[in-house]
Amino acid sequence: MNLREEKLSSTYYYKGAIINMKVDKVRLPDGSVANREEVEHPGGCSIVALTPDNEVFFVRQFRYAYDEVLLELPAGKLEAGEDPYEAMKRELREETGCLAERFVFLGTAYPTPGYTNELLRIWACRVSGTTQQDLDPGEFLEVEKMPLERALEMVMNNEIADAKSQIGILKAANLVREGKL
């Protein structure tokens, strides 16, 4: 069965600094027509930064949409035309002050495929040194580190709600267990 949908038209309702919102008219596989709402996003990157003692760097920051302070892996939005690998290294340094080596690509995640085209690229690395944080204007966060095993427990106990952090911790813990990271 052909599951693809054909885009017939697009109407943008909002174009912003981070996201665009549009409604596409599409032809469905059975020939009928429907609307698809989409949030366009430039994509992001995240990193599981591990010390030699297998401690993981996290950031705590307020997330307005949830009205909560969340514990997350360092992460950020891609700038226009920015290479995701370079963006990840930049975000790690800016948010935590960490310098790293031995980068391992953990994969790409589709955080909400029902309405956004956002792609999250996730890496793991070994921290090799530190420098000063260099936060963006309006960015406020606290850096925290904890043993990887504790982070894994928190993921399994639903104490870490952020999806990219859950994925990163689960994959990195598996690679550490296998001796590949």
N, C-alpha and C. Protein backbone atom coordinates (compact mmCIF):
# COMPACT_ATOMS: atom_id res chain seq x y z
N MET A 1 0.83 -1.18 0.00
CA MET A 1 0.00 0.00 0.00
C MET A 1 0.88 1.25 0.00
N ASN A 2 0.52 2.20 -0.80
CA ASN A 2 1.22 3.49 -0.82
C ASN A 2 0.70 4.35 0.34
N LEU A 3 1.57 4.72 1.26
CA LEU A 3 1.17 5.51 2.43
C LEU A 3 1.52 6.98 2.30
N ARG A 4 2.22 7.35 1.25
CA ARG A 4 2.67 8.74 1.09
C ARG A 4 1.50 9.69 0.83
N GLU A 5 1.68 10.92 1.30
CA GLU A 5 0.70 11.98 1.06
C GLU A 5 1.34 13.03 0.16
N GLU A 6 0.54 13.59 -0.75
CA GLU A 6 1.03 14.60 -1.70
C GLU A 6 0.63 15.99 -1.21
N LYS A 7 1.62 16.86 -1.05
CA LYS A 7 1.33 18.24 -0.63
C LYS A 7 0.75 19.00 -1.81
N LEU A 8 -0.39 19.64 -1.57
CA LEU A 8 -1.06 20.42 -2.60
C LEU A 8 -0.81 21.91 -2.43
N SER A 9 -0.74 22.38 -1.17
CA SER A 9 -0.50 23.80 -0.91
C SER A 9 -0.06 23.97 0.54
N SER A 10 0.56 25.12 0.82
CA SER A 10 0.99 25.47 2.19
C SER A 10 0.57 26.90 2.49
N THR A 11 0.12 27.11 3.72
CA THR A 11 -0.20 28.45 4.19
C THR A 11 0.49 28.64 5.54
N TYR A 12 1.37 29.65 5.59
CA TYR A 12 2.06 29.96 6.85
C TYR A 12 1.20 30.90 7.68
N TYR A 13 1.09 30.58 8.97
CA TYR A 13 0.32 31.41 9.90
C TYR A 13 1.22 32.15 10.88
N TYR A 14 2.46 31.68 10.99
CA TYR A 14 3.40 32.34 11.90
C TYR A 14 4.82 32.00 11.45
N LYS A 15 5.68 33.01 11.41
CA LYS A 15 7.11 32.80 11.16
C LYS A 15 7.84 33.51 12.29
N GLY A 16 8.59 32.74 13.09
CA GLY A 16 9.24 33.30 14.26
C GLY A 16 10.74 33.06 14.26
N ALA A 17 11.36 33.41 15.36
CA ALA A 17 12.80 33.27 15.51
C ALA A 17 13.23 31.81 15.65
N ILE A 18 12.36 30.97 16.20
CA ILE A 18 12.71 29.57 16.41
C ILE A 18 11.85 28.64 15.57
N ILE A 19 10.56 28.92 15.46
CA ILE A 19 9.66 28.03 14.74
C ILE A 19 8.83 28.79 13.72
N ASN A 20 8.32 28.06 12.74
CA ASN A 20 7.31 28.53 11.81
C ASN A 20 6.12 27.58 11.95
N MET A 21 4.91 28.12 11.78
CA MET A 21 3.72 27.28 11.84
C MET A 21 2.94 27.43 10.54
N LYS A 22 2.56 26.27 9.98
CA LYS A 22 1.85 26.28 8.71
C LYS A 22 0.81 25.18 8.68
N VAL A 23 -0.09 25.30 7.72
CA VAL A 23 -1.06 24.25 7.44
C VAL A 23 -0.90 23.89 5.96
N ASP A 24 -0.66 22.62 5.72
CA ASP A 24 -0.56 22.11 4.35
C ASP A 24 -1.86 21.39 4.00
N LYS A 25 -2.30 21.56 2.78
CA LYS A 25 -3.41 20.78 2.23
C LYS A 25 -2.73 19.62 1.49
N VAL A 26 -3.18 18.38 1.78
CA VAL A 26 -2.56 17.20 1.19
C VAL A 26 -3.60 16.27 0.59
N ARG A 27 -3.14 15.50 -0.39
CA ARG A 27 -3.97 14.44 -0.95
C ARG A 27 -3.54 13.14 -0.27
N LEU A 28 -4.50 12.44 0.30
CA LEU A 28 -4.25 11.17 1.00
C LEU A 28 -4.17 10.01 0.01
N PRO A 29 -3.64 8.88 0.45
CA PRO A 29 -3.52 7.73 -0.46
C PRO A 29 -4.83 7.30 -1.11
N ASP A 30 -5.97 7.56 -0.45
CA ASP A 30 -7.25 7.16 -1.05
C ASP A 30 -7.83 8.24 -1.97
N GLY A 31 -7.09 9.35 -2.19
CA GLY A 31 -7.54 10.41 -3.07
C GLY A 31 -8.26 11.55 -2.38
N SER A 32 -8.64 11.38 -1.13
CA SER A 32 -9.32 12.46 -0.41
C SER A 32 -8.29 13.52 0.00
N VAL A 33 -8.80 14.69 0.41
CA VAL A 33 -7.94 15.82 0.77
C VAL A 33 -8.08 16.09 2.27
N ALA A 34 -6.96 16.43 2.93
CA ALA A 34 -6.96 16.72 4.36
C ALA A 34 -5.95 17.83 4.64
N ASN A 35 -6.02 18.38 5.83
CA ASN A 35 -5.05 19.38 6.29
C ASN A 35 -4.03 18.72 7.21
N ARG A 36 -2.79 19.20 7.13
CA ARG A 36 -1.72 18.77 8.03
C ARG A 36 -1.11 20.01 8.65
N GLU A 37 -1.21 20.13 9.97
CA GLU A 37 -0.58 21.24 10.69
C GLU A 37 0.86 20.85 10.98
N GLU A 38 1.77 21.80 10.74
CA GLU A 38 3.19 21.49 10.96
C GLU A 38 3.89 22.66 11.62
N VAL A 39 4.73 22.31 12.58
CA VAL A 39 5.64 23.27 13.19
C VAL A 39 7.01 22.99 12.59
N GLU A 40 7.54 23.96 11.85
CA GLU A 40 8.89 23.82 11.28
C GLU A 40 9.90 24.26 12.34
N HIS A 41 10.94 23.47 12.51
CA HIS A 41 11.99 23.74 13.50
C HIS A 41 13.33 23.42 12.86
N PRO A 42 14.37 24.22 13.13
CA PRO A 42 15.67 23.99 12.49
C PRO A 42 16.42 22.76 12.98
N GLY A 43 15.94 22.12 14.03
CA GLY A 43 16.61 20.95 14.56
C GLY A 43 17.50 21.30 15.73
N GLY A 44 17.95 20.28 16.41
CA GLY A 44 18.77 20.50 17.59
C GLY A 44 19.77 19.39 17.78
N CYS A 45 20.55 19.54 18.83
CA CYS A 45 21.58 18.57 19.15
C CYS A 45 21.68 18.45 20.67
N SER A 46 22.17 17.31 21.12
CA SER A 46 22.32 17.07 22.55
C SER A 46 23.54 16.19 22.76
N ILE A 47 24.07 16.21 23.99
CA ILE A 47 25.30 15.48 24.27
C ILE A 47 25.29 14.87 25.67
N VAL A 48 25.69 13.60 25.75
CA VAL A 48 25.93 12.93 27.02
C VAL A 48 27.43 13.08 27.28
N ALA A 49 27.78 14.01 28.15
CA ALA A 49 29.19 14.29 28.44
C ALA A 49 29.59 13.52 29.71
N LEU A 50 30.50 12.56 29.54
CA LEU A 50 30.91 11.69 30.64
C LEU A 50 32.32 12.01 31.11
N THR A 51 32.49 12.07 32.42
CA THR A 51 33.82 12.23 32.99
C THR A 51 34.54 10.87 32.94
N PRO A 52 35.84 10.84 33.24
CA PRO A 52 36.53 9.54 33.31
C PRO A 52 35.92 8.59 34.36
N ASP A 53 35.23 9.16 35.38
CA ASP A 53 34.58 8.35 36.41
C ASP A 53 33.12 8.03 36.08
N ASN A 54 32.74 8.23 34.83
CA ASN A 54 31.37 7.97 34.37
C ASN A 54 30.32 8.80 35.09
N GLU A 55 30.65 10.06 35.31
CA GLU A 55 29.65 11.01 35.78
C GLU A 55 29.15 11.77 34.55
N VAL A 56 27.87 12.12 34.55
CA VAL A 56 27.22 12.78 33.42
C VAL A 56 26.93 14.23 33.80
N PHE A 57 27.21 15.13 32.86
CA PHE A 57 26.87 16.55 33.05
C PHE A 57 25.44 16.79 32.59
N PHE A 58 24.68 17.46 33.45
CA PHE A 58 23.31 17.87 33.15
C PHE A 58 23.19 19.37 33.36
N VAL A 59 22.11 19.93 32.84
CA VAL A 59 21.74 21.31 33.15
C VAL A 59 20.31 21.30 33.68
N ARG A 60 20.05 22.18 34.61
CA ARG A 60 18.69 22.42 35.09
C ARG A 60 18.28 23.78 34.56
N GLN A 61 17.11 23.81 33.93
CA GLN A 61 16.61 25.10 33.45
C GLN A 61 15.09 25.11 33.42
N PHE A 62 14.55 26.31 33.54
CA PHE A 62 13.12 26.50 33.51
C PHE A 62 12.64 26.36 32.08
N ARG A 63 11.60 25.56 31.90
CA ARG A 63 11.00 25.37 30.58
C ARG A 63 9.58 25.94 30.63
N TYR A 64 9.41 27.06 29.96
CA TYR A 64 8.18 27.83 30.04
C TYR A 64 6.95 27.01 29.64
N ALA A 65 7.03 26.25 28.58
CA ALA A 65 5.86 25.51 28.08
C ALA A 65 5.33 24.51 29.11
N TYR A 66 6.20 24.02 29.99
CA TYR A 66 5.78 23.06 31.02
C TYR A 66 5.65 23.71 32.40
N ASP A 67 6.10 24.96 32.51
CA ASP A 67 6.10 25.68 33.78
C ASP A 67 6.85 24.88 34.85
N GLU A 68 8.01 24.33 34.44
CA GLU A 68 8.82 23.49 35.33
C GLU A 68 10.29 23.73 35.09
N VAL A 69 11.08 23.46 36.12
CA VAL A 69 12.53 23.38 35.98
C VAL A 69 12.83 21.92 35.66
N LEU A 70 13.47 21.68 34.53
CA LEU A 70 13.77 20.32 34.09
C LEU A 70 15.26 20.01 34.18
N LEU A 71 15.57 18.77 34.45
CA LEU A 71 16.93 18.25 34.39
C LEU A 71 17.11 17.68 32.99
N GLU A 72 18.10 18.20 32.25
CA GLU A 72 18.30 17.80 30.87
C GLU A 72 19.79 17.65 30.56
N LEU A 73 20.08 16.91 29.52
CA LEU A 73 21.43 16.92 28.96
C LEU A 73 21.66 18.27 28.29
N PRO A 74 22.91 18.71 28.20
CA PRO A 74 23.19 19.94 27.44
C PRO A 74 22.69 19.77 26.00
N ALA A 75 22.05 20.82 25.50
CA ALA A 75 21.45 20.72 24.17
C ALA A 75 21.19 22.11 23.63
N GLY A 76 20.88 22.17 22.36
CA GLY A 76 20.54 23.46 21.78
C GLY A 76 20.01 23.35 20.37
N LYS A 77 19.50 24.46 19.92
CA LYS A 77 18.94 24.60 18.58
C LYS A 77 20.06 24.88 17.59
N LEU A 78 19.90 24.35 16.39
CA LEU A 78 20.86 24.64 15.32
C LEU A 78 20.61 26.03 14.76
N GLU A 79 21.68 26.74 14.49
CA GLU A 79 21.57 28.02 13.79
C GLU A 79 21.47 27.71 12.30
N ALA A 80 20.98 28.65 11.52
CA ALA A 80 20.81 28.44 10.07
C ALA A 80 22.12 27.97 9.44
N GLY A 81 22.07 26.82 8.78
CA GLY A 81 23.24 26.29 8.08
C GLY A 81 24.30 25.67 8.97
N GLU A 82 24.07 25.59 10.26
CA GLU A 82 25.09 25.09 11.20
C GLU A 82 25.17 23.57 11.15
N ASP A 83 26.37 23.04 11.16
CA ASP A 83 26.62 21.62 11.21
C ASP A 83 26.22 21.09 12.60
N PRO A 84 25.39 20.05 12.69
CA PRO A 84 24.95 19.56 13.99
C PRO A 84 26.09 19.14 14.92
N TYR A 85 27.14 18.55 14.38
CA TYR A 85 28.29 18.13 15.19
C TYR A 85 28.98 19.35 15.82
N GLU A 86 29.19 20.39 15.03
CA GLU A 86 29.81 21.61 15.56
C GLU A 86 28.88 22.31 16.55
N ALA A 87 27.59 22.28 16.28
CA ALA A 87 26.61 22.89 17.19
C ALA A 87 26.64 22.17 18.54
N MET A 88 26.73 20.85 18.52
CA MET A 88 26.77 20.07 19.76
C MET A 88 28.00 20.44 20.58
N LYS A 89 29.15 20.54 19.95
CA LYS A 89 30.37 20.91 20.69
C LYS A 89 30.24 22.33 21.24
N ARG A 90 29.66 23.23 20.48
CA ARG A 90 29.44 24.61 20.93
C ARG A 90 28.50 24.65 22.13
N GLU A 91 27.39 23.94 22.04
CA GLU A 91 26.42 23.93 23.13
C GLU A 91 27.03 23.34 24.41
N LEU A 92 27.80 22.28 24.28
CA LEU A 92 28.45 21.67 25.44
C LEU A 92 29.35 22.68 26.14
N ARG A 93 30.17 23.38 25.36
CA ARG A 93 31.08 24.37 25.94
C ARG A 93 30.31 25.54 26.53
N GLU A 94 29.32 26.07 25.78
CA GLU A 94 28.58 27.23 26.25
C GLU A 94 27.80 26.94 27.54
N GLU A 95 27.12 25.79 27.58
CA GLU A 95 26.24 25.51 28.71
C GLU A 95 26.97 24.96 29.93
N THR A 96 28.01 24.16 29.72
CA THR A 96 28.67 23.52 30.87
C THR A 96 30.11 23.95 31.07
N GLY A 97 30.73 24.53 30.05
CA GLY A 97 32.15 24.83 30.12
C GLY A 97 33.03 23.61 29.87
N CYS A 98 32.46 22.51 29.42
CA CYS A 98 33.22 21.27 29.19
C CYS A 98 33.85 21.26 27.80
N LEU A 99 35.06 20.73 27.75
CA LEU A 99 35.74 20.41 26.50
C LEU A 99 35.79 18.89 26.45
N ALA A 100 35.72 18.32 25.26
CA ALA A 100 35.56 16.87 25.19
C ALA A 100 36.32 16.26 24.02
N GLU A 101 36.34 14.92 24.05
CA GLU A 101 36.96 14.12 23.00
C GLU A 101 36.18 12.81 22.89
N ARG A 102 36.60 11.96 21.96
CA ARG A 102 35.97 10.65 21.75
C ARG A 102 34.47 10.77 21.56
N PHE A 103 34.05 11.56 20.62
CA PHE A 103 32.63 11.74 20.34
C PHE A 103 32.07 10.51 19.63
N VAL A 104 30.92 10.06 20.09
CA VAL A 104 30.24 8.92 19.49
C VAL A 104 28.82 9.37 19.15
N PHE A 105 28.43 9.21 17.89
CA PHE A 105 27.08 9.57 17.47
C PHE A 105 26.11 8.51 17.95
N LEU A 106 25.10 8.91 18.70
CA LEU A 106 24.11 7.98 19.24
C LEU A 106 22.86 7.87 18.37
N GLY A 107 22.69 8.80 17.44
CA GLY A 107 21.55 8.69 16.54
C GLY A 107 20.73 9.96 16.45
N THR A 108 19.71 9.88 15.62
CA THR A 108 18.78 10.98 15.39
C THR A 108 17.42 10.57 15.93
N ALA A 109 16.78 11.48 16.64
CA ALA A 109 15.45 11.23 17.19
C ALA A 109 14.45 12.20 16.58
N TYR A 110 13.25 11.73 16.36
CA TYR A 110 12.12 12.55 15.93
C TYR A 110 11.27 12.79 17.17
N PRO A 111 11.40 13.95 17.83
CA PRO A 111 10.74 14.12 19.13
C PRO A 111 9.21 14.09 19.09
N THR A 112 8.60 14.63 18.06
CA THR A 112 7.14 14.65 17.96
C THR A 112 6.74 14.58 16.49
N PRO A 113 6.79 13.38 15.88
CA PRO A 113 6.57 13.28 14.45
C PRO A 113 5.16 13.61 13.98
N GLY A 114 4.22 13.74 14.89
CA GLY A 114 2.85 14.04 14.50
C GLY A 114 2.63 15.46 14.03
N TYR A 115 3.53 16.40 14.43
CA TYR A 115 3.28 17.79 14.02
C TYR A 115 4.53 18.65 13.84
N THR A 116 5.72 18.09 14.00
CA THR A 116 6.90 18.91 13.76
C THR A 116 7.93 18.14 12.96
N ASN A 117 8.75 18.87 12.21
CA ASN A 117 9.82 18.26 11.44
C ASN A 117 11.16 18.31 12.18
N GLU A 118 11.14 18.65 13.46
CA GLU A 118 12.38 18.76 14.25
C GLU A 118 13.11 17.43 14.30
N LEU A 119 14.43 17.50 14.10
CA LEU A 119 15.32 16.36 14.26
C LEU A 119 16.30 16.68 15.38
N LEU A 120 16.48 15.74 16.30
CA LEU A 120 17.47 15.89 17.36
C LEU A 120 18.60 14.90 17.12
N ARG A 121 19.82 15.43 17.02
CA ARG A 121 20.98 14.56 16.87
C ARG A 121 21.64 14.46 18.24
N ILE A 122 21.96 13.24 18.65
CA ILE A 122 22.46 13.00 20.00
C ILE A 122 23.83 12.33 19.92
N TRP A 123 24.76 12.85 20.73
CA TRP A 123 26.11 12.30 20.83
C TRP A 123 26.43 11.96 22.28
N ALA A 124 27.50 11.22 22.44
CA ALA A 124 28.13 11.02 23.75
C ALA A 124 29.60 11.35 23.57
N CYS A 125 30.25 11.69 24.67
CA CYS A 125 31.67 12.02 24.61
C CYS A 125 32.30 11.81 25.97
N ARG A 126 33.61 11.93 26.00
CA ARG A 126 34.39 11.93 27.24
C ARG A 126 34.91 13.33 27.47
N VAL A 127 34.69 13.85 28.64
CA VAL A 127 35.14 15.20 28.99
C VAL A 127 36.65 15.16 29.18
N SER A 128 37.33 16.11 28.53
CA SER A 128 38.80 16.16 28.60
C SER A 128 39.30 17.39 29.36
N GLY A 129 38.43 18.33 29.66
CA GLY A 129 38.84 19.54 30.37
C GLY A 129 37.66 20.48 30.50
N THR A 130 37.92 21.59 31.14
CA THR A 130 36.85 22.58 31.33
C THR A 130 37.36 23.98 31.04
N THR A 131 36.42 24.84 30.75
CA THR A 131 36.66 26.25 30.54
C THR A 131 35.45 26.97 31.15
N GLN A 132 35.30 28.24 30.88
CA GLN A 132 34.16 28.96 31.42
C GLN A 132 32.91 28.74 30.59
N GLN A 133 31.76 28.79 31.26
CA GLN A 133 30.49 28.80 30.54
C GLN A 133 30.40 30.07 29.71
N ASP A 134 29.59 30.02 28.67
CA ASP A 134 29.36 31.18 27.82
C ASP A 134 27.89 31.16 27.39
N LEU A 135 27.01 31.42 28.36
CA LEU A 135 25.58 31.31 28.11
C LEU A 135 25.08 32.39 27.16
N ASP A 136 24.05 32.05 26.41
CA ASP A 136 23.40 33.02 25.53
C ASP A 136 22.67 34.06 26.38
N PRO A 137 22.46 35.26 25.84
CA PRO A 137 21.64 36.24 26.56
C PRO A 137 20.26 35.65 26.85
N GLY A 138 19.79 35.82 28.08
CA GLY A 138 18.49 35.29 28.46
C GLY A 138 18.48 33.82 28.81
N GLU A 139 19.64 33.17 28.81
CA GLU A 139 19.74 31.75 29.16
C GLU A 139 20.22 31.64 30.61
N PHE A 140 19.44 30.96 31.41
CA PHE A 140 19.77 30.79 32.83
C PHE A 140 19.66 29.31 33.15
N LEU A 141 20.75 28.73 33.63
CA LEU A 141 20.74 27.31 33.97
C LEU A 141 21.79 27.01 35.02
N GLU A 142 21.62 25.88 35.66
CA GLU A 142 22.58 25.37 36.63
C GLU A 142 23.16 24.08 36.08
N VAL A 143 24.47 23.89 36.26
CA VAL A 143 25.14 22.67 35.83
C VAL A 143 25.20 21.71 37.00
N GLU A 144 24.96 20.45 36.71
CA GLU A 144 24.97 19.41 37.73
C GLU A 144 25.59 18.17 37.10
N LYS A 145 26.31 17.41 37.89
CA LYS A 145 26.78 16.13 37.37
C LYS A 145 26.45 15.04 38.38
N MET A 146 26.24 13.85 37.83
CA MET A 146 25.89 12.71 38.68
C MET A 146 26.41 11.44 38.02
N PRO A 147 26.56 10.38 38.81
CA PRO A 147 26.99 9.10 38.23
C PRO A 147 26.01 8.62 37.16
N LEU A 148 26.55 8.06 36.11
CA LEU A 148 25.74 7.54 35.02
C LEU A 148 24.71 6.54 35.54
N GLU A 149 25.09 5.69 36.46
CA GLU A 149 24.15 4.70 37.00
C GLU A 149 22.97 5.38 37.69
N ARG A 150 23.23 6.48 38.40
CA ARG A 150 22.13 7.22 39.05
C ARG A 150 21.23 7.85 37.98
N ALA A 151 21.83 8.41 36.93
CA ALA A 151 21.04 9.00 35.84
C ALA A 151 20.17 7.93 35.19
N LEU A 152 20.72 6.75 35.00
CA LEU A 152 19.96 5.65 34.41
C LEU A 152 18.78 5.27 35.32
N GLU A 153 19.00 5.20 36.61
CA GLU A 153 17.91 4.94 37.56
C GLU A 153 16.83 6.01 37.45
N MET A 154 17.26 7.27 37.35
CA MET A 154 16.29 8.36 37.25
C MET A 154 15.46 8.26 35.97
N VAL A 155 16.08 7.85 34.88
CA VAL A 155 15.33 7.65 33.64
C VAL A 155 14.30 6.55 33.85
N MET A 156 14.72 5.44 34.41
CA MET A 156 13.82 4.30 34.58
C MET A 156 12.72 4.57 35.61
N ASN A 157 12.95 5.50 36.54
CA ASN A 157 11.95 5.85 37.56
C ASN A 157 11.14 7.08 37.17
N ASN A 158 11.25 7.51 35.92
CA ASN A 158 10.52 8.68 35.42
C ASN A 158 10.85 9.96 36.18
N GLU A 159 12.07 10.07 36.66
CA GLU A 159 12.52 11.29 37.33
C GLU A 159 13.18 12.26 36.34
N ILE A 160 13.51 11.79 35.16
CA ILE A 160 13.99 12.63 34.07
C ILE A 160 12.93 12.53 32.97
N ALA A 161 12.21 13.63 32.75
CA ALA A 161 11.08 13.62 31.82
C ALA A 161 11.48 13.95 30.39
N ASP A 162 12.59 14.63 30.20
CA ASP A 162 13.01 15.09 28.89
C ASP A 162 13.39 13.91 27.99
N ALA A 163 12.76 13.82 26.83
CA ALA A 163 12.94 12.67 25.94
C ALA A 163 14.37 12.54 25.42
N LYS A 164 14.98 13.65 24.99
CA LYS A 164 16.34 13.55 24.44
C LYS A 164 17.32 13.07 25.51
N SER A 165 17.08 13.48 26.75
CA SER A 165 17.94 13.05 27.86
C SER A 165 17.73 11.57 28.15
N GLN A 166 16.49 11.11 28.12
CA GLN A 166 16.22 9.69 28.32
C GLN A 166 16.93 8.85 27.26
N ILE A 167 16.77 9.24 26.01
CA ILE A 167 17.38 8.50 24.90
C ILE A 167 18.90 8.49 25.05
N GLY A 168 19.48 9.66 25.29
CA GLY A 168 20.93 9.76 25.41
C GLY A 168 21.48 8.92 26.54
N ILE A 169 20.84 8.99 27.71
CA ILE A 169 21.32 8.22 28.86
C ILE A 169 21.21 6.73 28.60
N LEU A 170 20.09 6.27 28.07
CA LEU A 170 19.91 4.84 27.80
C LEU A 170 20.96 4.33 26.81
N LYS A 171 21.18 5.07 25.73
CA LYS A 171 22.15 4.62 24.73
C LYS A 171 23.58 4.70 25.25
N ALA A 172 23.92 5.78 25.94
CA ALA A 172 25.29 5.92 26.47
C ALA A 172 25.58 4.85 27.52
N ALA A 173 24.62 4.58 28.39
CA ALA A 173 24.83 3.55 29.42
C ALA A 173 25.09 2.20 28.79
N ASN A 174 24.39 1.90 27.71
CA ASN A 174 24.60 0.65 27.01
C ASN A 174 26.01 0.58 26.41
N LEU A 175 26.46 1.69 25.79
CA LEU A 175 27.81 1.69 25.22
C LEU A 175 28.88 1.58 26.30
N VAL A 176 28.68 2.23 27.44
CA VAL A 176 29.64 2.11 28.54
C VAL A 176 29.70 0.67 29.03
N ARG A 177 28.55 0.03 29.21
CA ARG A 177 28.50 -1.38 29.64
C ARG A 177 29.24 -2.29 28.67
N GLU A 178 29.14 -1.97 27.36
CA GLU A 178 29.80 -2.78 26.33
C GLU A 178 31.26 -2.42 26.15
N GLY A 179 31.75 -1.40 26.88
CA GLY A 179 33.14 -0.98 26.75
C GLY A 179 33.44 -0.21 25.49
N LYS A 180 32.41 0.38 24.86
CA LYS A 180 32.58 1.11 23.60
C LYS A 180 32.63 2.62 23.79
N LEU A 181 32.55 3.08 25.03
CA LEU A 181 32.58 4.52 25.29
C LEU A 181 33.36 4.79 26.56
